[in-house]
Amino acid sequence: MVFRFSLACALLLVCANAGIAAPLSTVATSEPSLRPQLAEVYVFPALGRPAITTRTTRLQLPLAPGRCAVVSQGNNGAFSHHERSNRYAWDFSMPIGTPVVAAATGRVVPIQTSDSNTNSIVLDHGGGLYTLYAHLDRMHVVGGAIVQAGELIGYSGKDHGLTPHLHFTAVTLWPSLISLRTKLFGTANGGIPRQGTRTCGRSTIASEFGQDSALLRDTFPGIRLDTAPPAHVLLMGRTYRIEGTLNRPNAPVIYQLHTVREGYLLNDNRTTSDDQGHFVLDIDMPPWQQGEAVQQLLFSDPNRMGTGVSAYLIEK
């Protein structure tokens, strides 16, 4: 399954201009627990560099209980799972229209479709951890909705030129879209399904959703964020603080919020950085259409606005 970084980046509409990436590795939580370590993912905090401590998030197969599929391509697969955005992905061979479920509780973030990948869903599980479900024939969820672990989110489809399958992976956005080494509950080989093996969904495991992932520290070129609003969901009527440092002092700092469909300018907040380049903006989210797709932009030079980050406006 071909899933290039450029397309993956477009799905989340975040192209972070960050520093050097830290090594990715599977780790166990340091806290004692009587529960077995079913799935472990090294999660980076959204607004900081990788922390010394880690958080354990338990992921299950994206298959309904009793539903089985053969792994047509596993981790580091020679066909297309050799890029950073795909390295730890799985392709599950299944007929078109097979139910696909959430691997953990999370929120549906803004997505795009393309000719090569039909429909795709991305779930935000908080703390900068996302799961990606590609090549769907139909979607069963709407943007901004919170879905529970094991809940139906869509139906499988196919990529052009390939046999029907679901492409699934856990990812982070630091410093770009990177596939994470992951263990899945209820599978053989230590939780890492191997290519050519048949695997089946088990009973749903408990999962909680804390808070939405925030904008990354270096999302916008030339600006370092210390306090930031959520990356993908903004609550109407709420005030968010944006605080950070511009790469030059005494310069304009502009935050804008545009609707994706019509291009309406909903917010145009401005301030000026101080002698050290520091700035603070308090942003009021306007009342608008529930579930409206918007883009956040933060920039200093109107001629170089950088990358917009896609989000949804939802009610409190």
Protein backbone atom coordinates (compact mmCIF):
# COMPACT_ATOMS: atom_id res chain seq x y z
CA MET A 1 0.00 0.00 0.00
CA VAL A 2 1.59 3.29 -1.13
CA PHE A 3 1.09 6.05 1.40
CA ARG A 4 3.58 8.85 0.80
CA PHE A 5 4.58 11.38 3.46
CA SER A 6 3.30 14.29 1.40
CA LEU A 7 -0.19 12.79 1.31
CA ALA A 8 -0.07 11.79 4.96
CA CYS A 9 0.89 15.33 5.86
CA ALA A 10 -2.04 16.63 3.81
CA LEU A 11 -4.44 14.38 5.70
CA LEU A 12 -3.63 16.10 8.96
CA LEU A 13 -2.81 19.45 7.37
CA VAL A 14 0.14 19.98 9.66
CA CYS A 15 3.65 20.44 8.28
CA ALA A 16 5.71 21.17 11.37
CA ASN A 17 9.02 22.92 10.98
CA ALA A 18 10.61 21.29 14.01
CA GLY A 19 14.05 20.36 15.28
CA ILE A 20 15.87 17.04 15.35
CA ALA A 21 13.69 14.02 15.98
CA ALA A 22 14.34 11.90 19.04
CA PRO A 23 14.66 8.13 18.63
CA LEU A 24 11.38 6.25 18.53
CA SER A 25 11.13 3.15 20.66
CA THR A 26 8.59 0.97 22.39
CA VAL A 27 8.70 1.38 26.14
CA ALA A 28 6.79 0.07 29.13
CA THR A 29 5.23 2.35 31.69
CA SER A 30 7.33 2.86 34.80
CA GLU A 31 4.31 2.72 37.08
CA PRO A 32 3.59 -0.63 38.74
CA SER A 33 0.36 -2.22 37.55
CA LEU A 34 -1.45 -5.52 37.80
CA ARG A 35 -2.76 -5.09 34.27
CA PRO A 36 -0.74 -6.68 31.45
CA GLN A 37 1.08 -4.33 29.11
CA LEU A 38 -1.15 -4.85 26.08
CA ALA A 39 0.05 -2.05 23.86
CA GLU A 40 2.75 0.50 24.36
CA VAL A 41 3.39 3.66 22.37
CA TYR A 42 6.08 6.25 23.06
CA VAL A 43 4.13 9.52 23.06
CA PHE A 44 5.67 12.95 22.69
CA PRO A 45 4.06 15.88 24.55
CA ALA A 46 2.44 18.19 22.04
CA LEU A 47 4.13 21.41 23.16
CA GLY A 48 7.52 20.16 24.24
CA ARG A 49 10.41 18.03 23.20
CA PRO A 50 10.22 14.33 24.10
CA ALA A 51 9.99 13.96 27.86
CA ILE A 52 11.97 11.53 30.02
CA THR A 53 8.76 9.96 31.27
CA THR A 54 6.34 8.18 28.95
CA ARG A 55 2.64 7.46 28.76
CA THR A 56 1.20 4.06 27.96
CA THR A 57 -1.78 3.96 25.62
CA ARG A 58 -3.41 0.61 24.95
CA LEU A 59 -4.43 -0.01 21.35
CA GLN A 60 -6.55 -2.82 20.01
CA LEU A 61 -6.96 -4.21 16.51
CA PRO A 62 -9.18 -2.04 14.29
CA LEU A 63 -11.37 -5.13 13.81
CA ALA A 64 -14.72 -5.84 15.47
CA PRO A 65 -14.77 -8.78 17.91
CA GLY A 66 -14.76 -12.04 15.97
CA ARG A 67 -13.88 -10.33 12.68
CA CYS A 68 -10.68 -11.75 11.15
CA ALA A 69 -8.24 -10.55 8.49
CA VAL A 70 -4.93 -11.61 6.97
CA VAL A 71 -1.98 -9.22 7.28
CA SER A 72 -1.07 -8.57 3.64
CA GLN A 73 1.80 -6.26 4.61
CA GLY A 74 3.33 -5.85 8.05
CA ASN A 75 5.84 -3.58 9.75
CA ASN A 76 8.81 -2.65 7.54
CA GLY A 77 7.07 -4.28 4.56
CA ALA A 78 9.17 -4.19 1.40
CA PHE A 79 6.33 -2.99 -0.85
CA SER A 80 5.58 0.37 0.77
CA HIS A 81 6.10 0.18 4.57
CA HIS A 82 9.66 1.45 4.55
CA GLU A 83 9.09 5.21 4.93
CA ARG A 84 8.89 7.01 8.27
CA SER A 85 5.16 7.61 7.84
CA ASN A 86 4.48 3.89 7.15
CA ARG A 87 7.25 1.89 8.80
CA TYR A 88 5.16 0.41 11.61
CA ALA A 89 1.88 0.20 9.68
CA TRP A 90 -0.22 -2.85 8.85
CA ASP A 91 -2.32 -3.65 5.80
CA PHE A 92 -5.23 -5.95 6.70
CA SER A 93 -6.71 -7.75 3.71
CA MET A 94 -10.53 -7.68 3.88
CA PRO A 95 -13.54 -7.43 1.58
CA ILE A 96 -14.88 -3.99 0.71
CA GLY A 97 -17.48 -2.97 3.28
CA THR A 98 -15.89 -4.71 6.28
CA PRO A 99 -16.57 -2.78 9.53
CA VAL A 100 -13.56 -0.87 10.92
CA VAL A 101 -13.46 0.13 14.60
CA ALA A 102 -11.46 2.64 16.67
CA ALA A 103 -8.27 1.22 18.16
CA ALA A 104 -8.69 3.49 21.21
CA THR A 105 -10.97 6.28 22.41
CA GLY A 106 -10.27 9.52 20.59
CA ARG A 107 -11.58 12.45 18.57
CA VAL A 108 -12.07 12.55 14.80
CA VAL A 109 -9.78 15.21 13.35
CA PRO A 110 -10.09 17.05 10.00
CA ILE A 111 -9.19 14.83 7.07
CA GLN A 112 -9.06 14.90 3.30
CA THR A 113 -9.77 12.33 0.64
CA SER A 114 -7.78 11.61 -2.49
CA ASP A 115 -8.02 9.53 -5.62
CA SER A 116 -5.36 7.11 -4.38
CA ASN A 117 -6.54 6.69 -0.82
CA THR A 118 -10.34 7.08 -1.05
CA ASN A 119 -11.53 7.99 2.45
CA SER A 120 -9.24 8.13 5.47
CA ILE A 121 -9.95 8.74 9.15
CA VAL A 122 -7.50 10.10 11.71
CA LEU A 123 -8.25 9.88 15.43
CA ASP A 124 -6.54 12.09 18.02
CA HIS A 125 -5.94 10.18 21.27
CA GLY A 126 -4.35 13.13 23.09
CA GLY A 127 -0.75 13.95 23.91
CA GLY A 128 0.23 13.98 20.24
CA LEU A 129 -0.79 10.37 19.53
CA TYR A 130 -2.96 9.64 16.49
CA THR A 131 -4.17 6.55 14.65
CA LEU A 132 -4.74 6.49 10.90
CA TYR A 133 -7.26 4.33 9.02
CA ALA A 134 -6.84 4.56 5.23
CA HIS A 135 -8.63 3.23 2.10
CA LEU A 136 -12.13 3.33 3.55
CA ASP A 137 -15.12 2.85 1.31
CA ARG A 138 -17.42 4.78 3.65
CA MET A 139 -17.03 6.78 6.87
CA HIS A 140 -19.41 6.37 9.79
CA VAL A 141 -18.25 9.32 11.92
CA VAL A 142 -18.19 13.11 11.60
CA GLY A 143 -15.36 15.51 12.27
CA GLY A 144 -14.99 16.64 15.87
CA ALA A 145 -16.89 13.67 17.33
CA ILE A 146 -15.42 11.62 20.18
CA VAL A 147 -15.54 7.89 19.50
CA GLN A 148 -15.02 5.08 21.99
CA ALA A 149 -12.54 2.22 21.67
CA GLY A 150 -14.12 -0.50 19.56
CA GLU A 151 -16.77 1.84 18.11
CA LEU A 152 -17.58 1.58 14.40
CA ILE A 153 -15.91 4.40 12.46
CA GLY A 154 -16.19 3.25 8.85
CA TYR A 155 -16.13 0.46 6.29
CA SER A 156 -13.07 -0.79 4.45
CA GLY A 157 -12.44 -0.15 0.76
CA LYS A 158 -9.43 -0.39 -1.53
CA ASP A 159 -6.57 1.59 -3.00
CA HIS A 160 -6.46 1.90 -6.78
CA GLY A 161 -4.55 -0.99 -8.33
CA LEU A 162 -4.38 -3.00 -5.10
CA THR A 163 -6.55 -5.66 -3.53
CA PRO A 164 -9.08 -4.44 -0.90
CA HIS A 165 -7.43 -3.78 2.45
CA LEU A 166 -7.31 -1.47 5.47
CA HIS A 167 -4.11 0.48 6.11
CA PHE A 168 -3.66 1.12 9.85
CA THR A 169 -0.91 2.73 11.90
CA ALA A 170 -0.30 4.80 15.03
CA VAL A 171 1.51 8.07 14.32
CA THR A 172 2.87 11.19 15.93
CA LEU A 173 3.46 14.58 14.31
CA TRP A 174 6.92 15.25 15.75
CA PRO A 175 8.76 16.56 13.77
CA SER A 176 6.54 15.33 10.92
CA LEU A 177 4.08 12.48 10.47
CA ILE A 178 5.97 9.44 11.81
CA SER A 179 4.68 5.91 12.21
CA LEU A 180 5.16 4.61 15.78
CA ARG A 181 6.31 1.17 16.87
CA THR A 182 3.15 -0.30 18.38
CA LYS A 183 1.80 -3.44 20.06
CA LEU A 184 -1.83 -4.43 19.54
CA PHE A 185 -3.95 -6.17 22.15
CA GLY A 186 -4.89 -9.79 21.63
CA THR A 187 -2.48 -10.62 18.82
CA ALA A 188 0.31 -13.17 18.56
CA ASN A 189 4.03 -12.44 18.21
CA GLY A 190 4.06 -10.15 21.24
CA GLY A 191 1.31 -7.92 19.90
CA ILE A 192 2.92 -7.31 16.49
CA PRO A 193 0.97 -9.12 13.74
CA ARG A 194 3.25 -10.60 11.10
CA GLN A 195 2.76 -10.49 7.37
CA GLY A 196 0.83 -13.49 6.11
CA THR A 197 -0.77 -14.31 9.45
CA ARG A 198 -4.51 -14.29 10.20
CA THR A 199 -5.58 -12.16 13.14
CA CYS A 200 -8.99 -11.63 14.75
CA GLY A 201 -10.57 -8.86 16.80
CA ARG A 202 -11.13 -9.50 20.51
CA SER A 203 -13.34 -7.90 23.13
CA THR A 204 -12.99 -4.13 23.46
CA ILE A 205 -10.46 -2.93 26.04
CA ALA A 206 -11.00 0.06 28.31
CA SER A 207 -9.70 3.37 26.97
CA GLU A 208 -10.09 7.02 28.00
CA PHE A 209 -9.66 10.32 26.16
CA GLY A 210 -8.11 13.12 28.18
CA GLN A 211 -7.73 16.26 26.10
CA ASP A 212 -7.11 17.23 22.51
CA SER A 213 -3.54 17.43 21.26
CA ALA A 214 -2.30 21.02 21.12
CA LEU A 215 -0.48 22.74 18.29
CA LEU A 216 3.14 21.65 18.12
CA ARG A 217 5.76 24.02 19.46
CA ASP A 218 7.26 24.62 16.01
CA THR A 219 4.14 24.33 13.85
CA PHE A 220 4.53 27.81 12.38
CA PRO A 221 7.90 28.83 10.85
CA GLY A 222 9.82 31.43 12.81
CA ILE A 223 7.60 31.13 15.90
CA ARG A 224 8.13 29.04 19.03
CA LEU A 225 4.93 28.32 20.92
CA ASP A 226 4.85 27.97 24.71
CA THR A 227 1.06 27.99 25.13
CA ALA A 228 -1.25 26.99 22.30
CA PRO A 229 -4.85 26.01 21.56
CA PRO A 230 -5.85 22.51 20.44
CA ALA A 231 -4.63 21.58 16.98
CA HIS A 232 -7.83 20.14 15.54
CA VAL A 233 -10.90 21.09 17.61
CA LEU A 234 -11.82 24.57 18.82
CA LEU A 235 -14.73 25.22 21.18
CA MET A 236 -16.97 28.12 20.15
CA GLY A 237 -17.28 30.78 22.84
CA ARG A 238 -14.02 29.79 24.50
CA THR A 239 -10.95 32.01 24.91
CA TYR A 240 -7.58 30.44 24.10
CA ARG A 241 -4.17 31.91 24.91
CA ILE A 242 -1.35 31.79 22.38
CA GLU A 243 2.01 32.64 23.89
CA GLY A 244 5.43 32.25 22.37
CA THR A 245 8.53 33.85 20.91
CA LEU A 246 8.98 35.29 17.43
CA ASN A 247 12.38 35.00 15.76
CA ARG A 248 12.64 38.79 15.70
CA PRO A 249 11.78 41.55 18.22
CA ASN A 250 9.21 44.32 17.88
CA ALA A 251 7.50 42.68 14.93
CA PRO A 252 3.83 42.01 14.15
CA VAL A 253 2.23 38.70 15.19
CA ILE A 254 -1.04 37.79 13.47
CA TYR A 255 -3.45 34.95 14.26
CA GLN A 256 -6.20 34.26 11.72
CA LEU A 257 -9.01 31.76 11.53
CA HIS A 258 -10.48 31.04 8.08
CA THR A 259 -13.37 28.81 7.08
CA VAL A 260 -12.22 26.12 4.66
CA ARG A 261 -15.37 25.95 2.54
CA GLU A 262 -15.99 29.64 1.81
CA GLY A 263 -12.76 31.22 3.00
CA TYR A 264 -14.45 33.59 5.46
CA LEU A 265 -12.11 35.35 7.88
CA LEU A 266 -13.55 34.65 11.35
CA ASN A 267 -10.68 35.96 13.49
CA ASP A 268 -7.92 38.48 12.85
CA ASN A 269 -6.05 39.04 16.12
CA ARG A 270 -2.84 41.06 16.13
CA THR A 271 -0.13 42.08 18.55
CA THR A 272 3.56 43.00 18.48
CA SER A 273 6.45 41.06 19.96
CA ASP A 274 8.52 42.76 22.64
CA ASP A 275 12.27 43.46 22.68
CA GLN A 276 12.95 39.74 23.23
CA GLY A 277 10.46 38.60 20.61
CA HIS A 278 7.93 37.42 23.21
CA PHE A 279 4.20 37.83 22.55
CA VAL A 280 0.79 36.92 24.03
CA LEU A 281 -2.54 36.71 22.20
CA ASP A 282 -5.92 35.86 23.77
CA ILE A 283 -8.22 34.47 21.08
CA ASP A 284 -12.02 34.40 21.40
CA MET A 285 -13.61 31.64 19.32
CA PRO A 286 -16.65 33.10 17.52
CA PRO A 287 -20.08 31.45 17.33
CA TRP A 288 -20.43 29.81 13.94
CA GLN A 289 -21.69 26.66 12.25
CA GLN A 290 -21.33 23.51 14.39
CA GLY A 291 -18.67 21.27 12.87
CA GLU A 292 -17.41 23.94 10.45
CA ALA A 293 -13.97 23.16 9.04
CA VAL A 294 -11.52 26.02 9.67
CA GLN A 295 -7.82 26.71 9.37
CA GLN A 296 -5.60 28.31 12.00
CA LEU A 297 -2.72 30.47 10.84
CA LEU A 298 -0.07 32.27 12.90
CA PHE A 299 2.46 34.45 11.11
CA SER A 300 4.37 37.72 11.14
CA ASP A 301 4.85 38.53 7.46
CA PRO A 302 1.55 38.66 5.48
CA ASN A 303 3.52 37.67 2.37
CA ARG A 304 4.76 34.49 4.06
CA MET A 305 1.80 33.05 5.95
CA GLY A 306 3.15 29.50 6.19
CA THR A 307 1.06 26.39 6.70
CA GLY A 308 -2.51 26.46 7.95
CA VAL A 309 -3.60 23.86 10.50
CA SER A 310 -7.05 22.39 9.91
CA ALA A 311 -9.54 22.25 12.77
CA TYR A 312 -13.26 22.01 13.51
CA LEU A 313 -15.39 24.56 15.36
CA ILE A 314 -17.73 22.78 17.74
CA GLU A 315 -20.08 23.81 20.52
CA LYS A 316 -19.06 23.55 24.17
